[in-house]
Every structure is written in structure tokens, then in C-alpha cells.
PDB file of N, CA and C in Angstrom:
ATOM      1  N   MET A   1     225.255 -96.535 131.040  1.00  0.00           N
ATOM      2  CA  MET A   1     226.153 -97.491 130.598  1.00  0.00           C
ATOM      3  C   MET A   1     227.487 -96.450 129.718  1.00  0.00           C
ATOM      4  N   ALA A   2     228.667 -97.039 129.858  1.00  0.00           N
ATOM      5  CA  ALA A   2     229.406 -96.571 129.363  1.00  0.00           C
ATOM      6  C   ALA A   2     229.632 -96.986 127.753  1.00  0.00           C
ATOM      7  N   LYS A   3     230.164 -95.735 126.981  1.00  0.00           N
ATOM      8  CA  LYS A   3     230.226 -95.653 125.786  1.00  0.00           C
ATOM      9  C   LYS A   3     231.596 -95.429 125.325  1.00  0.00           C
ATOM     10  N   LYS A   4     231.677 -96.019 123.940  1.00  0.00           N
ATOM     11  CA  LYS A   4     233.277 -95.373 123.325  1.00  0.00           C
ATOM     12  C   LYS A   4     233.092 -94.381 122.639  1.00  0.00           C
ATOM     13  N   PHE A   5     234.293 -93.389 122.598  1.00  0.00           N
ATOM     14  CA  PHE A   5     234.415 -92.218 121.799  1.00  0.00           C
ATOM     15  C   PHE A   5     235.789 -92.019 121.201  1.00  0.00           C
ATOM     16  N   ASN A   6     235.821 -92.072 120.069  1.00  0.00           N
ATOM     17  CA  ASN A   6     236.836 -91.992 118.968  1.00  0.00           C
ATOM     18  C   ASN A   6     237.493 -90.395 119.260  1.00  0.00           C
ATOM     19  N   SER A   7     238.780 -90.339 119.469  1.00  0.00           N
ATOM     20  CA  SER A   7     239.193 -88.771 119.464  1.00  0.00           C
ATOM     21  C   SER A   7     240.741 -88.402 118.573  1.00  0.00           C
ATOM     22  N   LYS A   8     240.672 -87.446 117.838  1.00  0.00           N
ATOM     23  CA  LYS A   8     241.825 -87.109 117.106  1.00  0.00           C
ATOM     24  C   LYS A   8     242.087 -85.691 117.853  1.00  0.00           C
ATOM     25  N   VAL A   9     243.434 -85.898 118.434  1.00  0.00           N
ATOM     26  CA  VAL A   9     244.082 -85.018 118.925  1.00  0.00           C
ATOM     27  C   VAL A   9     245.107 -84.119 117.906  1.00  0.00           C
ATOM     28  N   TYR A  10     244.891 -82.815 118.043  1.00  0.00           N
ATOM     29  CA  TYR A  10     246.017 -82.042 117.214  1.00  0.00           C
ATOM     30  C   TYR A  10     246.902 -81.215 118.010  1.00  0.00           C
ATOM     31  N   VAL A  11     248.387 -81.503 118.206  1.00  0.00           N
ATOM     32  CA  VAL A  11     249.158 -80.485 119.132  1.00  0.00           C
ATOM     33  C   VAL A  11     250.032 -79.753 118.399  1.00  0.00           C
ATOM     34  N   THR A  12     249.916 -78.204 118.473  1.00  0.00           N
ATOM     35  CA  THR A  12     250.776 -77.490 117.650  1.00  0.00           C
ATOM     36  C   THR A  12     251.635 -76.600 118.780  1.00  0.00           C
ATOM     37  N   LEU A  13     252.848 -76.051 117.955  1.00  0.00           N
ATOM     38  CA  LEU A  13     253.321 -75.298 119.066  1.00  0.00           C
ATOM     39  C   LEU A  13     252.890 -73.890 118.893  1.00  0.00           C
ATOM     40  N   ARG A  14     253.015 -73.126 120.060  1.00  0.00           N
ATOM     41  CA  ARG A  14     252.454 -71.556 120.340  1.00  0.00           C
ATOM     42  C   ARG A  14     252.877 -71.148 119.033  1.00  0.00           C
ATOM     43  N   PRO A  15     252.302 -70.051 118.628  1.00  0.00           N
ATOM     44  CA  PRO A  15     252.824 -69.059 117.553  1.00  0.00           C
ATOM     45  C   PRO A  15     254.230 -68.460 118.043  1.00  0.00           C
ATOM     46  N   SER A  16     254.319 -68.138 119.340  1.00  0.00           N
ATOM     47  CA  SER A  16     255.355 -67.349 119.856  1.00  0.00           C
ATOM     48  C   SER A  16     256.565 -68.465 119.806  1.00  0.00           C
ATOM     49  N   VAL A  17     256.600 -69.712 119.610  1.00  0.00           N
ATOM     50  CA  VAL A  17     257.700 -70.570 120.099  1.00  0.00           C
ATOM     51  C   VAL A  17     258.139 -70.876 118.801  1.00  0.00           C
ATOM     52  N   LEU A  18     259.773 -70.705 118.677  1.00  0.00           N
ATOM     53  CA  LEU A  18     260.330 -71.161 117.113  1.00  0.00           C
ATOM     54  C   LEU A  18     260.184 -72.319 117.303  1.00  0.00           C
ATOM     55  N   ASP A  19     260.162 -72.775 115.723  1.00  0.00           N
ATOM     56  CA  ASP A  19     259.721 -74.063 115.219  1.00  0.00           C
ATOM     57  C   ASP A  19     260.909 -74.445 114.311  1.00  0.00           C
ATOM     58  N   PRO A  20     262.108 -74.917 114.562  1.00  0.00           N
ATOM     59  CA  PRO A  20     263.203 -75.290 113.916  1.00  0.00           C
ATOM     60  C   PRO A  20     263.001 -76.108 113.218  1.00  0.00           C
ATOM     61  N   ALA A  21     262.153 -77.195 113.342  1.00  0.00           N
ATOM     62  CA  ALA A  21     261.764 -78.493 112.508  1.00  0.00           C
ATOM     63  C   ALA A  21     260.919 -77.807 111.010  1.00  0.00           C
ATOM     64  N   GLY A  22     259.953 -76.896 111.638  1.00  0.00           N
ATOM     65  CA  GLY A  22     259.359 -76.397 110.581  1.00  0.00           C
ATOM     66  C   GLY A  22     259.902 -75.580 109.507  1.00  0.00           C
ATOM     67  N   THR A  23     261.076 -74.823 110.088  1.00  0.00           N
ATOM     68  CA  THR A  23     262.009 -73.890 109.379  1.00  0.00           C
ATOM     69  C   THR A  23     262.855 -74.707 108.519  1.00  0.00           C
ATOM     70  N   ALA A  24     263.200 -75.960 108.753  1.00  0.00           N
ATOM     71  CA  ALA A  24     263.917 -76.786 108.084  1.00  0.00           C
ATOM     72  C   ALA A  24     263.056 -77.226 106.922  1.00  0.00           C
ATOM     73  N   VAL A  25     261.730 -77.902 107.234  1.00  0.00           N
ATOM     74  CA  VAL A  25     260.687 -78.372 106.373  1.00  0.00           C
ATOM     75  C   VAL A  25     260.690 -77.473 105.332  1.00  0.00           C
ATOM     76  N   GLU A  26     260.364 -76.095 105.663  1.00  0.00           N
ATOM     77  CA  GLU A  26     259.955 -74.996 104.743  1.00  0.00           C
ATOM     78  C   GLU A  26     261.399 -74.656 103.734  1.00  0.00           C
ATOM     79  N   SER A  27     262.390 -74.650 104.199  1.00  0.00           N
ATOM     80  CA  SER A  27     263.875 -74.639 103.805  1.00  0.00           C
ATOM     81  C   SER A  27     263.811 -75.727 102.218  1.00  0.00           C
ATOM     82  N   GLY A  28     263.442 -76.935 102.788  1.00  0.00           N
ATOM     83  CA  GLY A  28     263.686 -78.237 101.949  1.00  0.00           C
ATOM     84  C   GLY A  28     262.184 -78.110 100.714  1.00  0.00           C
ATOM     85  N   LEU A  29     261.414 -77.528 101.051  1.00  0.00           N
ATOM     86  CA  LEU A  29     260.391 -77.362 100.163  1.00  0.00           C
ATOM     87  C   LEU A  29     260.592 -76.262  98.881  1.00  0.00           C
ATOM     88  N   HIS A  30     261.286 -75.143  99.640  1.00  0.00           N
ATOM     89  CA  HIS A  30     261.852 -74.141  98.770  1.00  0.00           C
ATOM     90  C   HIS A  30     262.671 -74.814  97.782  1.00  0.00           C
ATOM     91  N   GLN A  31     264.182 -75.565  98.341  1.00  0.00           N
ATOM     92  CA  GLN A  31     264.983 -76.213  97.511  1.00  0.00           C
ATOM     93  C   GLN A  31     264.313 -76.972  96.482  1.00  0.00           C
ATOM     94  N   LEU A  32     263.210 -77.505  96.619  1.00  0.00           N
ATOM     95  CA  LEU A  32     262.510 -78.713  95.938  1.00  0.00           C
ATOM     96  C   LEU A  32     261.660 -77.548  94.802  1.00  0.00           C
ATOM     97  N   GLY A  33     261.422 -76.554  94.923  1.00  0.00           N
ATOM     98  CA  GLY A  33     261.019 -75.662  93.855  1.00  0.00           C
ATOM     99  C   GLY A  33     259.793 -75.067  94.440  1.00  0.00           C
ATOM    100  N   TYR A  34     259.112 -74.994  95.481  1.00  0.00           N
ATOM    101  CA  TYR A  34     257.726 -74.903  96.109  1.00  0.00           C
ATOM    102  C   TYR A  34     257.921 -73.667  96.880  1.00  0.00           C
ATOM    103  N   GLN A  35     258.102 -72.536  95.936  1.00  0.00           N
ATOM    104  CA  GLN A  35     258.343 -71.078  96.509  1.00  0.00           C
ATOM    105  C   GLN A  35     257.334 -70.631  97.420  1.00  0.00           C
ATOM    106  N   GLY A  36     256.126 -71.007  96.815  1.00  0.00           N
ATOM    107  CA  GLY A  36     254.979 -70.520  97.648  1.00  0.00           C
ATOM    108  C   GLY A  36     254.937 -70.800  99.047  1.00  0.00           C
ATOM    109  N   VAL A  37     255.224 -71.705  99.502  1.00  0.00           N
ATOM    110  CA  VAL A  37     255.138 -72.029 101.013  1.00  0.00           C
ATOM    111  C   VAL A  37     255.820 -71.329 102.006  1.00  0.00           C
ATOM    112  N   GLU A  38     255.155 -71.196 103.080  1.00  0.00           N
ATOM    113  CA  GLU A  38     255.659 -70.325 104.131  1.00  0.00           C
ATOM    114  C   GLU A  38     254.916 -70.782 105.455  1.00  0.00           C
ATOM    115  N   ASN A  39     255.874 -70.092 106.375  1.00  0.00           N
ATOM    116  CA  ASN A  39     255.060 -70.427 107.632  1.00  0.00           C
ATOM    117  C   ASN A  39     254.942 -71.984 108.142  1.00  0.00           C
ATOM    118  N   VAL A  40     255.873 -72.653 107.402  1.00  0.00           N
ATOM    119  CA  VAL A  40     255.665 -74.136 108.175  1.00  0.00           C
ATOM    120  C   VAL A  40     255.779 -74.248 109.528  1.00  0.00           C
ATOM    121  N   ARG A  41     254.709 -75.247 110.129  1.00  0.00           N
ATOM    122  CA  ARG A  41     254.705 -75.379 111.669  1.00  0.00           C
ATOM    123  C   ARG A  41     254.627 -76.884 111.683  1.00  0.00           C
ATOM    124  N   ILE A  42     255.346 -77.739 112.257  1.00  0.00           N
ATOM    125  CA  ILE A  42     255.246 -79.144 112.558  1.00  0.00           C
ATOM    126  C   ILE A  42     254.515 -79.277 113.989  1.00  0.00           C
ATOM    127  N   GLY A  43     253.627 -80.288 113.952  1.00  0.00           N
ATOM    128  CA  GLY A  43     252.970 -80.617 115.252  1.00  0.00           C
ATOM    129  C   GLY A  43     252.906 -82.007 115.342  1.00  0.00           C
ATOM    130  N   LYS A  44     251.755 -82.599 116.143  1.00  0.00           N
ATOM    131  CA  LYS A  44     251.647 -83.888 116.534  1.00  0.00           C
ATOM    132  C   LYS A  44     249.892 -84.236 116.223  1.00  0.00           C
ATOM    133  N   TYR A  45     249.814 -85.298 115.995  1.00  0.00           N
ATOM    134  CA  TYR A  45     248.555 -85.732 115.686  1.00  0.00           C
ATOM    135  C   TYR A  45     248.528 -87.251 116.351  1.00  0.00           C
ATOM    136  N   ILE A  46     247.435 -87.403 117.385  1.00  0.00           N
ATOM    137  CA  ILE A  46     247.267 -88.687 117.946  1.00  0.00           C
ATOM    138  C   ILE A  46     245.877 -88.971 117.924  1.00  0.00           C
ATOM    139  N   GLU A  47     245.463 -90.364 117.689  1.00  0.00           N
ATOM    140  CA  GLU A  47     244.452 -91.003 117.921  1.00  0.00           C
ATOM    141  C   GLU A  47     243.992 -92.016 118.832  1.00  0.00           C
ATOM    142  N   LEU A  48     243.156 -91.921 119.527  1.00  0.00           N
ATOM    143  CA  LEU A  48     242.872 -92.737 121.030  1.00  0.00           C
ATOM    144  C   LEU A  48     241.120 -92.745 121.005  1.00  0.00           C
ATOM    145  N   THR A  49     241.118 -94.038 121.401  1.00  0.00           N
ATOM    146  CA  THR A  49     239.492 -94.242 122.000  1.00  0.00           C
ATOM    147  C   THR A  49     239.335 -94.371 123.437  1.00  0.00           C
ATOM    148  N   VAL A  50     238.369 -93.378 123.892  1.00  0.00           N
ATOM    149  CA  VAL A  50     238.053 -93.234 125.354  1.00  0.00           C
ATOM    150  C   VAL A  50     236.642 -93.889 125.611  1.00  0.00           C
ATOM    151  N   THR A  51     236.657 -94.826 126.769  1.00  0.00           N
ATOM    152  CA  THR A  51     235.404 -95.432 127.629  1.00  0.00           C
ATOM    153  C   THR A  51     234.750 -94.211 128.480  1.00  0.00           C
ATOM    154  N   ALA A  52     233.700 -93.682 128.088  1.00  0.00           N
ATOM    155  CA  ALA A  52     233.141 -92.675 129.239  1.00  0.00           C
ATOM    156  C   ALA A  52     231.804 -92.983 129.447  1.00  0.00           C
ATOM    157  N   ASP A  53     231.159 -92.611 130.451  1.00  0.00           N
ATOM    158  CA  ASP A  53     229.978 -92.390 130.621  1.00  0.00           C
ATOM    159  C   ASP A  53     229.175 -91.562 129.901  1.00  0.00           C
ATOM    160  N   SER A  54     229.613 -90.192 129.786  1.00  0.00           N
ATOM    161  CA  SER A  54     228.953 -89.466 128.586  1.00  0.00           C
ATOM    162  C   SER A  54     229.850 -88.770 127.720  1.00  0.00           C
ATOM    163  N   GLU A  55     229.538 -87.928 126.621  1.00  0.00           N
ATOM    164  CA  GLU A  55     230.359 -87.257 126.068  1.00  0.00           C
ATOM    165  C   GLU A  55     231.041 -86.291 126.858  1.00  0.00           C
ATOM    166  N   GLU A  56     230.474 -85.538 127.741  1.00  0.00           N
ATOM    167  CA  GLU A  56     231.401 -84.711 128.574  1.00  0.00           C
ATOM    168  C   GLU A  56     232.405 -85.035 129.433  1.00  0.00           C
ATOM    169  N   SER A  57     231.966 -86.300 130.048  1.00  0.00           N
ATOM    170  CA  SER A  57     232.977 -87.053 130.631  1.00  0.00           C
ATOM    171  C   SER A  57     234.379 -87.461 129.814  1.00  0.00           C
ATOM    172  N   ALA A  58     233.826 -87.885 128.537  1.00  0.00           N
ATOM    173  CA  ALA A  58     235.237 -88.022 127.330  1.00  0.00           C
ATOM    174  C   ALA A  58     235.659 -86.817 127.329  1.00  0.00           C
ATOM    175  N   ASP A  59     235.092 -85.761 126.932  1.00  0.00           N
ATOM    176  CA  ASP A  59     235.728 -84.363 126.525  1.00  0.00           C
ATOM    177  C   ASP A  59     236.500 -83.986 127.761  1.00  0.00           C
ATOM    178  N   ARG A  60     235.927 -84.379 129.214  1.00  0.00           N
ATOM    179  CA  ARG A  60     236.733 -83.572 130.173  1.00  0.00           C
ATOM    180  C   ARG A  60     238.181 -84.525 130.360  1.00  0.00           C
ATOM    181  N   GLN A  61     238.038 -86.014 130.269  1.00  0.00           N
ATOM    182  CA  GLN A  61     239.240 -86.917 130.344  1.00  0.00           C
ATOM    183  C   GLN A  61     240.231 -86.307 129.232  1.00  0.00           C
ATOM    184  N   ILE A  62     239.928 -85.936 127.982  1.00  0.00           N
ATOM    185  CA  ILE A  62     240.828 -85.895 127.029  1.00  0.00           C
ATOM    186  C   ILE A  62     241.439 -84.436 127.129  1.00  0.00           C
ATOM    187  N   HIS A  63     240.769 -83.640 127.575  1.00  0.00           N
ATOM    188  CA  HIS A  63     241.339 -82.430 128.285  1.00  0.00           C
ATOM    189  C   HIS A  63     242.520 -82.612 129.258  1.00  0.00           C
ATOM    190  N   GLN A  64     242.271 -83.563 130.379  1.00  0.00           N
ATOM    191  CA  GLN A  64     243.309 -83.877 131.251  1.00  0.00           C
ATOM    192  C   GLN A  64     244.348 -84.704 130.600  1.00  0.00           C
ATOM    193  N   MET A  65     244.185 -85.288 129.979  1.00  0.00           N
ATOM    194  CA  MET A  65     244.963 -85.891 129.159  1.00  0.00           C
ATOM    195  C   MET A  65     246.137 -85.079 128.388  1.00  0.00           C
ATOM    196  N   CYS A  66     245.331 -84.358 127.843  1.00  0.00           N
ATOM    197  CA  CYS A  66     246.315 -83.350 127.036  1.00  0.00           C
ATOM    198  C   CYS A  66     247.182 -82.307 127.980  1.00  0.00           C
ATOM    199  N   ASP A  67     246.214 -81.922 128.869  1.00  0.00           N
ATOM    200  CA  ASP A  67     247.181 -81.091 130.023  1.00  0.00           C
ATOM    201  C   ASP A  67     248.255 -81.772 130.673  1.00  0.00           C
ATOM    202  N   GLN A  68     247.994 -83.137 130.913  1.00  0.00           N
ATOM    203  CA  GLN A  68     248.939 -83.784 131.740  1.00  0.00           C
ATOM    204  C   GLN A  68     250.248 -84.533 131.107  1.00  0.00           C
ATOM    205  N   LEU A  69     249.901 -84.950 129.696  1.00  0.00           N
ATOM    206  CA  LEU A  69     250.924 -86.011 129.050  1.00  0.00           C
ATOM    207  C   LEU A  69     251.085 -85.355 127.570  1.00  0.00           C
ATOM    208  N   LEU A  70     249.712 -85.494 126.836  1.00  0.00           N
ATOM    209  CA  LEU A  70     249.775 -85.238 125.590  1.00  0.00           C
ATOM    210  C   LEU A  70     250.589 -83.790 124.899  1.00  0.00           C
ATOM    211  N   ALA A  71     250.343 -82.879 125.465  1.00  0.00           N
ATOM    212  CA  ALA A  71     250.588 -81.709 125.132  1.00  0.00           C
ATOM    213  C   ALA A  71     251.460 -80.711 126.137  1.00  0.00           C
ATOM    214  N   ASN A  72     252.616 -80.184 125.821  1.00  0.00           N
ATOM    215  CA  ASN A  72     253.292 -79.306 127.019  1.00  0.00           C
ATOM    216  C   ASN A  72     252.390 -77.851 126.917  1.00  0.00           C
ATOM    217  N   PRO A  73     251.826 -77.499 128.052  1.00  0.00           N
ATOM    218  CA  PRO A  73     250.941 -76.329 127.975  1.00  0.00           C
ATOM    219  C   PRO A  73     251.847 -74.908 128.101  1.00  0.00           C
ATOM    220  N   VAL A  74     252.890 -75.314 128.195  1.00  0.00           N
ATOM    221  CA  VAL A  74     253.831 -73.962 128.216  1.00  0.00           C
ATOM    222  C   VAL A  74     254.069 -73.408 126.780  1.00  0.00           C
ATOM    223  N   ILE A  75     254.385 -74.650 126.185  1.00  0.00           N
ATOM    224  CA  ILE A  75     254.913 -74.307 124.715  1.00  0.00           C
ATOM    225  C   ILE A  75     253.711 -74.472 123.689  1.00  0.00           C
ATOM    226  N   GLU A  76     252.855 -75.602 123.778  1.00  0.00           N
ATOM    227  CA  GLU A  76     252.045 -76.324 122.687  1.00  0.00           C
ATOM    228  C   GLU A  76     250.653 -75.758 123.191  1.00  0.00           C
ATOM    229  N   ASN A  77     249.902 -75.711 121.978  1.00  0.00           N
ATOM    230  CA  ASN A  77     248.020 -75.500 122.034  1.00  0.00           C
ATOM    231  C   ASN A  77     247.771 -77.054 121.389  1.00  0.00           C
ATOM    232  N   TYR A  78     246.337 -77.366 121.969  1.00  0.00           N
ATOM    233  CA  TYR A  78     246.004 -78.420 121.426  1.00  0.00           C
ATOM    234  C   TYR A  78     244.626 -78.076 121.128  1.00  0.00           C
ATOM    235  N   SER A  79     243.874 -79.205 120.068  1.00  0.00           N
ATOM    236  CA  SER A  79     242.490 -79.164 119.816  1.00  0.00           C
ATOM    237  C   SER A  79     242.323 -80.492 119.698  1.00  0.00           C
ATOM    238  N   PHE A  80     241.060 -80.915 119.534  1.00  0.00           N
ATOM    239  CA  PHE A  80     240.700 -82.428 119.700  1.00  0.00           C
ATOM    240  C   PHE A  80     238.963 -82.479 119.143  1.00  0.00           C
ATOM    241  N   ASP A  81     238.821 -83.280 118.267  1.00  0.00           N
ATOM    242  CA  ASP A  81     237.440 -84.068 117.899  1.00  0.00           C
ATOM    243  C   ASP A  81     237.368 -84.930 118.626  1.00  0.00           C
ATOM    244  N   LEU A  82     235.816 -85.059 118.871  1.00  0.00           N
ATOM    245  CA  LEU A  82     235.410 -86.404 119.548  1.00  0.00           C
ATOM    246  C   LEU A  82     234.184 -86.909 119.044  1.00  0.00           C
ATOM    247  N   THR A  83     234.248 -87.928 118.748  1.00  0.00           N
ATOM    248  CA  THR A  83     233.229 -88.784 117.743  1.00  0.00           C
ATOM    249  C   THR A  83     232.821 -90.044 118.581  1.00  0.00           C
ATOM    250  N   PRO A  84     231.346 -90.147 118.944  1.00  0.00           N
ATOM    251  CA  PRO A  84     230.964 -91.287 119.482  1.00  0.00           C
ATOM    252  C   PRO A  84     231.176 -92.481 118.802  1.00  0.00           C
ATOM    253  N   MET A  85     231.406 -93.482 119.238  1.00  0.00           N
ATOM    254  CA  MET A  85     231.532 -94.942 118.285  1.00  0.00           C
ATOM    255  C   MET A  85     230.191 -95.596 118.204  1.00  0.00           C
ATOM    256  N   SER A  86     229.888 -96.208 116.776  1.00  0.00           N
ATOM    257  CA  SER A  86     228.264 -96.963 116.736  1.00  0.00           C
ATOM    258  C   SER A  86     228.360 -98.279 117.790  1.00  0.00           C
TER     259      SER A  86
END
């Protein structure tokens, strides 16, 4: 029987990739007086619900989604949380 799973996907630029948006945010924070902020990186957060026969199947599907569409594997890393729905 198929089950539903909630997933929270986090996509970030690889450390070796320059992040001009992160640099701009860091500069803005410094201008606002937050001098202790450094190494700002901007990413994406995606929530989705997957229906699958098992948690392993849902995990596999989300990995495929990330590799094919949600993240650019050349310049981005991703991670996700997977939680069964009640």
C-alpha cells in the first residue's frame, strides 16, 4: 500500500562556486551594522509530498528529482529530510 512522505529539500552552491548573491547580502548586513557576519551563501528550500510504496522508494525518487531538476549537480549540493505522514 502506498504511503505519503513529506520532504524538505535544501539546495546550496558547492563551496568552490562563487556566490554573488551571498556576497551582496553579506555586504548589506555589514552596512546595517552586523559586522560579525561572514561567509553568507544563498540557497533554495523546497517542500514536497511524495507517494511511494516504501521510505526507500521515496528516498530514491527524491534523489532522482534533485539530480534531474531541483539541483544542478555541476554547481550545487543538496540534502533532504524525509518524514512519513500520519
